[in-house]
Protein backbone atom coordinates (compact mmCIF):
# COMPACT_ATOMS: atom_id res chain seq x y z
CA MET A 1 82.61 109.80 95.30
CA SER A 2 79.09 110.58 93.27
CA GLU A 3 77.31 107.50 91.02
CA THR A 4 77.68 108.68 87.20
CA GLY A 5 75.84 108.35 84.40
CA HIS A 6 78.40 106.44 82.26
CA ARG A 7 77.13 103.22 80.13
CA ILE A 8 79.39 100.23 80.36
CA GLY A 9 80.54 97.97 77.56
CA ILE A 10 81.77 95.16 79.37
CA ILE A 11 83.31 92.23 76.62
CA GLY A 12 83.99 88.93 78.40
CA LEU A 13 81.09 87.84 80.92
CA GLY A 14 83.60 85.10 83.07
CA LEU A 15 83.94 85.34 86.32
CA ILE A 16 85.54 89.02 86.76
CA GLY A 17 83.19 90.58 83.93
CA GLY A 18 80.30 89.21 85.40
CA SER A 19 81.32 90.18 88.79
CA ILE A 20 81.43 93.85 87.30
CA ALA A 21 78.00 94.04 85.79
CA LEU A 22 76.42 92.30 89.12
CA ARG A 23 78.10 95.04 91.04
CA LEU A 24 77.50 98.04 88.61
CA SER A 25 74.40 97.14 87.52
CA GLY A 26 71.65 99.89 89.01
CA LYS A 27 74.45 102.33 89.46
CA MET A 28 74.61 103.21 85.91
CA GLY A 29 73.74 101.55 82.54
CA VAL A 30 75.53 97.69 81.94
CA ALA A 31 75.70 95.80 78.89
CA GLY A 32 77.39 92.67 77.74
CA TYR A 33 78.90 90.81 74.98
CA ASP A 34 80.20 87.47 74.65
CA ILE A 35 80.81 85.14 72.12
CA ASP A 36 79.97 81.66 74.01
CA PRO A 37 76.12 81.47 74.11
CA GLY A 38 76.27 80.05 77.52
CA ALA A 39 77.88 82.94 78.52
CA VAL A 40 74.92 84.80 77.19
CA HIS A 41 71.83 82.85 78.52
CA THR A 42 73.49 82.88 82.47
CA ALA A 43 74.08 86.49 81.78
CA ASN A 44 70.42 87.13 80.82
CA SER A 45 69.36 85.03 83.63
CA MET A 46 71.05 87.39 85.89
CA GLY A 47 69.11 90.23 84.67
CA ILE A 48 72.49 91.84 82.65
CA ALA A 49 71.54 92.95 79.52
CA MET A 50 73.74 91.59 76.40
CA LEU A 51 74.51 93.42 72.97
CA PRO A 52 74.74 91.10 69.83
CA SER A 53 78.30 92.36 68.57
CA ILE A 54 81.34 94.98 68.94
CA ASP A 55 79.99 97.56 66.74
CA SER A 56 76.50 97.42 69.32
CA VAL A 57 79.56 97.66 72.34
CA ILE A 58 80.74 100.63 70.53
CA ALA A 59 77.67 102.09 69.77
CA TYR A 60 76.00 101.84 73.00
CA ALA A 61 79.15 102.34 75.55
CA ASP A 62 81.05 105.55 76.62
CA VAL A 63 82.99 103.05 78.93
CA ILE A 64 84.31 99.72 77.98
CA ILE A 65 86.28 96.95 79.40
CA ILE A 66 87.99 93.91 78.21
CA CYS A 67 87.60 91.01 80.27
CA THR A 68 88.59 88.74 78.12
CA PRO A 69 91.70 85.80 78.45
CA ILE A 70 94.83 87.40 77.81
CA GLY A 71 94.91 85.80 74.42
CA SER A 72 92.08 87.21 72.89
CA PHE A 73 92.80 90.58 74.01
CA PRO A 74 94.68 91.03 70.45
CA GLU A 75 91.99 90.31 67.96
CA ILE A 76 89.51 92.43 70.71
CA VAL A 77 91.56 95.31 70.68
CA GLN A 78 91.39 95.20 66.43
CA LEU A 79 87.72 94.32 66.57
CA LEU A 80 87.19 97.35 68.37
CA ALA A 81 89.53 100.11 66.40
CA SER A 82 87.71 99.00 63.16
CA ALA A 83 83.99 99.21 64.44
CA TRP A 84 84.95 102.55 65.82
CA GLN A 85 86.56 103.49 62.40
CA ARG A 86 83.59 102.40 61.04
CA ARG A 87 81.37 104.63 63.43
CA SER A 88 83.54 107.53 63.50
CA ALA A 89 83.35 107.96 59.66
CA GLN A 90 78.86 107.73 60.03
CA PHE A 91 78.90 109.96 63.43
CA GLN A 92 80.26 112.72 65.25
CA SER A 93 80.70 111.06 68.72
CA THR A 94 82.83 110.96 71.68
CA PRO A 95 85.78 107.78 71.71
CA PRO A 96 84.94 105.20 74.36
CA ILE A 97 87.51 104.80 77.32
CA VAL A 98 88.75 101.32 76.72
CA ALA A 99 90.18 99.69 80.09
CA ASP A 100 91.31 95.98 80.69
CA THR A 101 90.95 93.23 83.62
CA CYS A 102 94.39 91.17 82.53
CA SER A 103 96.73 90.20 84.72
CA VAL A 104 99.68 91.87 83.14
CA LYS A 105 100.26 95.01 81.46
CA ARG A 106 103.05 95.21 79.50
CA TYR A 107 101.89 92.86 76.87
CA ILE A 108 98.54 94.94 76.77
CA HIS A 109 99.62 98.54 76.71
CA GLU A 110 101.39 97.43 73.34
CA TRP A 111 98.85 95.40 72.06
CA ALA A 112 96.25 98.55 72.87
CA GLY A 113 98.47 100.62 70.94
CA GLN A 114 95.91 99.86 68.09
CA LEU A 115 93.59 101.60 70.06
CA ARG A 116 95.35 104.64 70.88
CA ASN A 117 96.14 104.89 66.70
CA VAL A 118 92.50 105.16 66.36
CA GLY A 119 92.20 107.62 69.08
CA ILE A 120 90.57 105.76 71.90
CA PRO A 121 92.10 106.27 75.27
CA PHE A 122 93.18 102.89 76.72
CA ILE A 123 93.61 102.37 80.45
CA GLY A 124 95.21 99.10 82.03
CA THR A 125 93.76 97.73 84.90
CA HIS A 126 94.03 94.31 87.28
CA PRO A 127 91.81 93.43 89.68
CA MET A 128 93.58 91.32 92.44
CA ALA A 129 90.32 89.48 93.12
CA GLY A 130 89.90 86.13 91.23
CA LYS A 131 89.01 82.46 92.09
CA HIS A 132 90.00 79.01 91.20
CA THR A 133 86.25 78.39 90.08
CA ASN A 134 85.90 80.58 86.79
CA GLY A 135 83.06 81.53 84.37
CA ILE A 136 79.93 84.15 85.37
CA MET A 137 78.44 81.05 87.16
CA ASN A 138 80.58 81.99 89.51
CA ALA A 139 80.14 86.05 89.51
CA GLN A 140 78.95 87.80 93.18
CA ALA A 141 78.40 91.16 93.22
CA ASP A 142 80.70 91.77 96.41
CA LEU A 143 84.04 90.00 94.79
CA PHE A 144 85.78 93.27 94.62
CA GLU A 145 84.98 94.57 98.03
CA GLY A 146 88.15 95.71 99.68
CA ARG A 147 90.35 94.19 97.28
CA ALA A 148 93.34 95.75 95.56
CA TRP A 149 92.36 96.73 91.82
CA ALA A 150 95.86 98.14 90.39
CA VAL A 151 95.84 100.61 87.77
CA SER A 152 98.32 101.10 85.23
CA ILE A 153 99.80 104.72 84.59
CA THR A 154 102.31 105.21 81.89
CA ASP A 155 104.18 108.47 79.74
CA SER A 156 101.36 108.92 77.72
CA ILE A 157 98.40 108.54 80.12
CA ASP A 158 94.85 110.45 79.31
CA LEU A 159 93.95 112.34 82.51
CA THR A 160 90.23 112.14 81.89
CA ALA A 161 90.19 108.59 81.23
CA LEU A 162 92.35 107.64 83.95
CA LEU A 163 90.59 109.54 86.69
CA THR A 164 86.72 108.05 84.66
CA ILE A 165 88.10 104.09 85.45
CA SER A 166 89.15 105.04 88.82
CA GLU A 167 85.78 106.41 89.86
CA LEU A 168 84.32 103.06 88.10
CA ILE A 169 86.88 100.92 90.28
CA LEU A 170 85.93 102.11 93.25
CA SER A 171 82.66 102.06 92.97
CA THR A 172 83.09 98.17 92.92
CA GLY A 173 84.04 98.90 95.91
CA SER A 174 88.03 97.62 95.70
CA VAL A 175 90.71 100.41 96.49
CA LEU A 176 92.92 101.32 93.75
CA VAL A 177 96.56 100.47 93.61
CA PRO A 178 98.36 102.85 91.09
CA VAL A 179 101.63 101.04 89.23
CA ASP A 180 103.82 101.52 86.35
CA PRO A 181 103.76 98.10 83.71
CA ASP A 182 107.07 96.65 84.99
CA THR A 183 106.61 96.83 87.88
CA HIS A 184 103.22 95.36 87.98
CA ASP A 185 104.32 92.79 86.08
CA ARG A 186 107.59 91.93 88.09
CA SER A 187 104.95 91.86 91.52
CA VAL A 188 102.56 89.79 90.41
CA ALA A 189 105.11 87.21 88.98
CA LEU A 190 105.89 87.01 93.03
CA VAL A 191 102.27 87.38 94.72
CA SER A 192 100.32 85.55 91.68
CA HIS A 193 101.69 83.45 89.05
CA LEU A 194 104.78 82.04 91.24
CA PRO A 195 101.92 80.40 93.28
CA HIS A 196 100.21 79.24 90.47
CA VAL A 197 103.59 77.16 89.49
CA ILE A 198 104.33 76.09 93.09
CA ALA A 199 100.82 74.77 93.33
CA ALA A 200 100.90 72.68 90.03
CA ILE A 201 104.13 71.28 91.34
CA MET A 202 102.28 70.16 94.47
CA SER A 203 99.36 68.93 92.85
CA LEU A 204 102.04 66.41 90.39
CA LEU A 205 103.40 65.27 93.59
CA LEU A 206 100.06 63.17 93.77
CA GLN A 207 101.06 61.10 90.59
CA SER A 208 104.46 60.10 92.00
CA ASP A 209 104.67 56.32 91.95
CA GLU A 210 106.40 56.76 95.88
CA LEU A 211 102.95 57.82 97.38
CA SER A 212 100.97 55.22 98.73
CA THR A 213 96.78 54.97 98.54
CA LEU A 214 97.38 55.85 102.67
CA ASP A 215 99.42 59.09 101.88
CA ARG A 216 96.60 60.42 99.24
CA SER A 217 93.82 59.25 101.71
CA LEU A 218 95.90 61.75 104.81
CA ILE A 219 96.17 65.07 102.62
CA ALA A 220 95.04 67.53 104.78
CA GLY A 221 93.90 71.25 105.04
CA SER A 222 97.55 72.25 104.24
CA PHE A 223 97.48 70.77 101.30
CA ASP A 224 94.38 71.44 99.90
CA ASP A 225 95.47 75.41 100.84
CA VAL A 226 98.66 75.78 98.89
CA THR A 227 97.33 73.53 95.97
CA ARG A 228 93.63 75.28 95.71
CA VAL A 229 94.56 77.05 92.60
CA ALA A 230 96.14 74.44 90.46
CA GLY A 231 92.12 73.79 90.06
CA SER A 232 92.14 77.36 88.08
CA PRO A 233 91.37 76.38 84.43
CA PRO A 234 94.52 75.21 82.78
CA GLU A 235 94.15 77.40 79.41
CA LEU A 236 94.03 80.77 81.38
CA THR A 237 96.61 80.16 84.05
CA SER A 238 99.08 79.16 81.08
CA GLN A 239 98.23 82.20 79.01
CA MET A 240 98.75 84.32 82.37
CA CYS A 241 102.22 83.17 83.31
CA ALA A 242 103.29 82.46 79.69
CA ALA A 243 102.55 86.33 79.11
CA ASN A 244 104.83 87.38 81.88
CA ILE A 245 107.55 84.41 81.23
CA ASP A 246 110.71 86.32 81.77
CA MET A 247 109.40 88.19 85.21
CA LEU A 248 107.74 84.67 86.48
CA ALA A 249 111.50 83.10 85.67
CA LYS A 250 112.98 85.84 88.07
CA SER A 251 111.12 84.77 90.74
CA LEU A 252 111.10 81.02 90.39
CA GLN A 253 114.47 81.47 90.29
CA ARG A 254 114.75 83.35 94.20
CA PHE A 255 112.01 80.62 95.23
CA SER A 256 114.34 77.70 94.21
CA THR A 257 117.28 79.33 95.70
CA GLU A 258 115.27 79.69 99.03
CA ILE A 259 114.32 75.74 98.98
CA GLU A 260 118.05 74.67 98.35
CA ARG A 261 119.25 76.60 101.27
CA VAL A 262 116.61 75.63 103.43
CA GLY A 263 117.63 71.96 102.18
CA HIS A 264 120.92 72.46 103.15
CA GLU A 265 120.38 73.82 106.05
CA LEU A 266 118.45 70.75 107.15
CA THR A 267 120.16 67.97 105.10
CA ASP A 268 122.41 65.48 108.01
CA LEU A 269 120.65 67.12 110.49
CA GLU A 270 119.18 65.03 113.93
CA TYR A 271 116.38 66.07 115.37
CA ALA A 272 117.22 69.88 115.64
CA PRO A 273 114.20 71.72 116.43
CA GLY A 274 116.26 75.30 116.45
CA PRO A 275 116.53 75.80 112.29
CA LEU A 276 113.42 74.69 111.51
CA SER A 277 111.79 77.11 114.53
CA ASP A 278 114.10 79.96 113.48
CA LEU A 279 112.56 79.24 110.18
CA PHE A 280 108.97 78.59 111.03
CA THR A 281 109.14 82.16 113.24
CA GLU A 282 110.24 84.34 110.90
CA ALA A 283 107.75 83.49 108.19
CA HIS A 284 105.18 83.60 110.87
CA ARG A 285 105.99 87.23 111.72
CA SER A 286 105.93 87.85 108.17
CA TYR A 287 103.00 86.48 107.64
CA SER A 288 100.99 88.52 110.33
CA GLN A 289 103.19 91.88 108.95
CA LEU A 290 101.25 91.05 105.51
CA HIS A 291 97.95 90.37 106.99
CA GLU A 292 97.63 93.33 109.15
CA GLY A 293 98.72 95.57 106.42
CA VAL A 294 101.99 96.45 107.25
CA SER A 295 104.54 96.87 104.79
CA GLY A 296 106.73 99.77 103.31
CA LYS A 297 109.17 102.65 104.49
CA TYR A 298 107.49 106.04 104.49
CA SER A 299 109.51 109.25 105.26
CA ASN A 300 107.89 112.93 105.57
CA GLU A 301 107.49 113.63 101.74
CA SER A 302 105.19 115.75 99.17
CA HIS A 303 103.93 114.66 96.13
CA GLY A 304 102.48 117.76 94.27
CA TYR A 305 99.79 119.23 96.10
CA GLY A 306 99.42 116.49 99.10
CA THR A 307 101.47 115.58 102.03
CA TYR A 308 101.46 112.52 104.10
CA SER A 309 103.87 111.76 107.18
CA THR A 310 104.47 108.51 109.11
CA ASP A 311 103.49 108.37 112.70
CA ASN A 312 103.86 105.26 115.25
CA SER A 313 100.46 104.06 114.73
CA ASP A 314 100.29 100.61 113.91
CA THR A 315 96.95 101.02 111.76
CA PRO A 316 97.22 102.44 108.05
CA SER A 317 96.48 106.27 108.18
CA SER A 318 94.54 108.23 105.73
CA HIS A 319 95.23 111.52 103.69
CA SER A 320 93.88 113.42 101.09
CA ALA A 321 95.33 115.31 98.29
CA ILE A 322 94.30 117.84 95.74
CA PHE A 323 95.81 118.53 92.30
CA ALA A 324 94.82 121.06 89.44
CA LEU A 325 92.96 119.08 86.76
CA ASP A 326 95.17 121.07 83.68
CA ASP A 327 98.30 119.75 85.20
CA PRO A 328 97.84 115.48 84.58
CA GLN A 329 101.80 115.04 84.92
CA THR A 330 102.20 115.73 88.18
CA LEU A 331 99.17 114.14 89.37
CA ALA A 332 100.32 110.88 87.33
CA ASN A 333 103.71 111.44 89.21
CA TRP A 334 102.44 111.69 92.80
CA MET A 335 100.13 108.35 91.78
CA LEU A 336 103.25 106.19 90.93
CA GLY A 337 104.86 107.51 93.95
CA LEU A 338 101.96 106.85 96.59
CA GLY A 339 101.80 103.35 94.35
CA ARG A 340 104.98 102.30 94.89
CA ASP A 341 105.14 103.20 99.05
CA GLY A 342 102.25 100.71 99.28
CA GLY A 343 99.74 103.34 99.33
CA ARG A 344 95.96 102.67 98.24
CA ILE A 345 93.32 104.99 96.75
CA VAL A 346 89.86 104.76 98.56
CA ASN A 347 87.94 107.72 97.20
CA ILE A 348 88.06 110.59 94.32
CA SER A 349 86.05 113.93 94.21
CA TYR A 350 86.03 116.81 91.84
CA LEU A 351 86.35 120.24 93.23
CA ASN A 352 85.70 123.97 91.75
CA ALA A 353 88.44 126.81 91.81
CA THR A 354 87.04 127.71 95.19
CA GLU A 355 87.78 124.14 96.40
CA ASN A 356 83.41 123.17 96.82
CA PRO A 357 82.35 119.98 95.89
CA ILE A 358 80.33 119.67 92.90
CA GLU A 359 78.40 117.19 91.48
CA SER A 360 79.95 115.47 88.79
CA ALA A 361 83.53 116.34 86.37
CA THR A 362 80.55 117.39 83.92
CA GLU A 363 80.71 121.25 85.37
CA ASN A 364 84.03 121.96 84.75
CA PRO A 365 85.81 121.18 87.44
CA THR A 366 89.09 122.92 88.03
CA GLU A 367 90.95 120.37 90.85
CA VAL A 368 90.30 116.67 92.18
CA SER A 369 90.73 115.62 95.43
CA ILE A 370 91.85 112.06 96.01
CA SER A 371 91.91 110.49 99.97
CA PHE A 372 94.08 107.78 100.63
CA THR A 373 95.77 105.29 103.00
CA VAL A 374 99.50 104.55 103.42
CA PRO A 375 100.40 101.67 105.98
CA PRO A 376 102.38 102.44 108.79
CA HIS A 377 106.50 101.42 108.96
């Protein structure tokens, strides 16, 4: 994948926005915008150029990434839509591509309708690379290295915008996971939002009158590991969970059911390691498989022009697929299928009609080659 000549405008210079800016600076033009004077000062001290207004972001960038908290998103898209209408009334220019980094996608796509209504293509994304310490002072250029970055694909997807944003994501060192908005929100409710609720409940146990000073003094690494994300800014966590409350409630019910089941199995038992051994052995197996990348089931299946198949390997296998750029729906469907199977995109390159690589999409490519991995079954 070649470096691009894009000009990137980043709205919201916190942990995520700041890390994107640090990673992409030097590869392409990057400038930020933030309403917090402290964030602006810190960004400038890090060498990140800052813009004074939303209108200046529209004037500067051909790609805009919204990295604000979820609660700010509706206002930001309204401001962007209005700024674009003002600019397009004065100048003949191509609208920027807009993406976001919010941790929910269903509401985000609804709110982004304001952008699409004025001709601005929108791509929903979510980097799975946060930390419990927030703010630009905690930004790091390698934050996304090797991490999954979800890209939300809808029926109305703009192929040029999708491929542009996908290339930028891969430029951060991430691997790309395609997913539809509903599936994304259901998944993150379990693997991201539920852990925040569990951490909060565990942390609140420290306030119990039943805990003595000795109990607190004996807190060790396991408790710290479970409660780490309770140190996240509460206003950000509450916005994130509230925007996915229905999916989170279902995940919390699943967790509650499992807690109750384990509790019933252990009630009134004298020393008997059997049930506990079964529980921890199965959990250890699941944990090991998860961190070895073993997940999902695969079958010999053809998606569009690309084919991947199973083998007996214990490591992810690499493949590539080629798609015609004049058939966006085939590519979108294939990407969704790959994401559902747990596959990850690792590289995108453009081809001409004879399948010879060319430097960039500006040279009228007719095909795109996508390199991807799928885990073993």
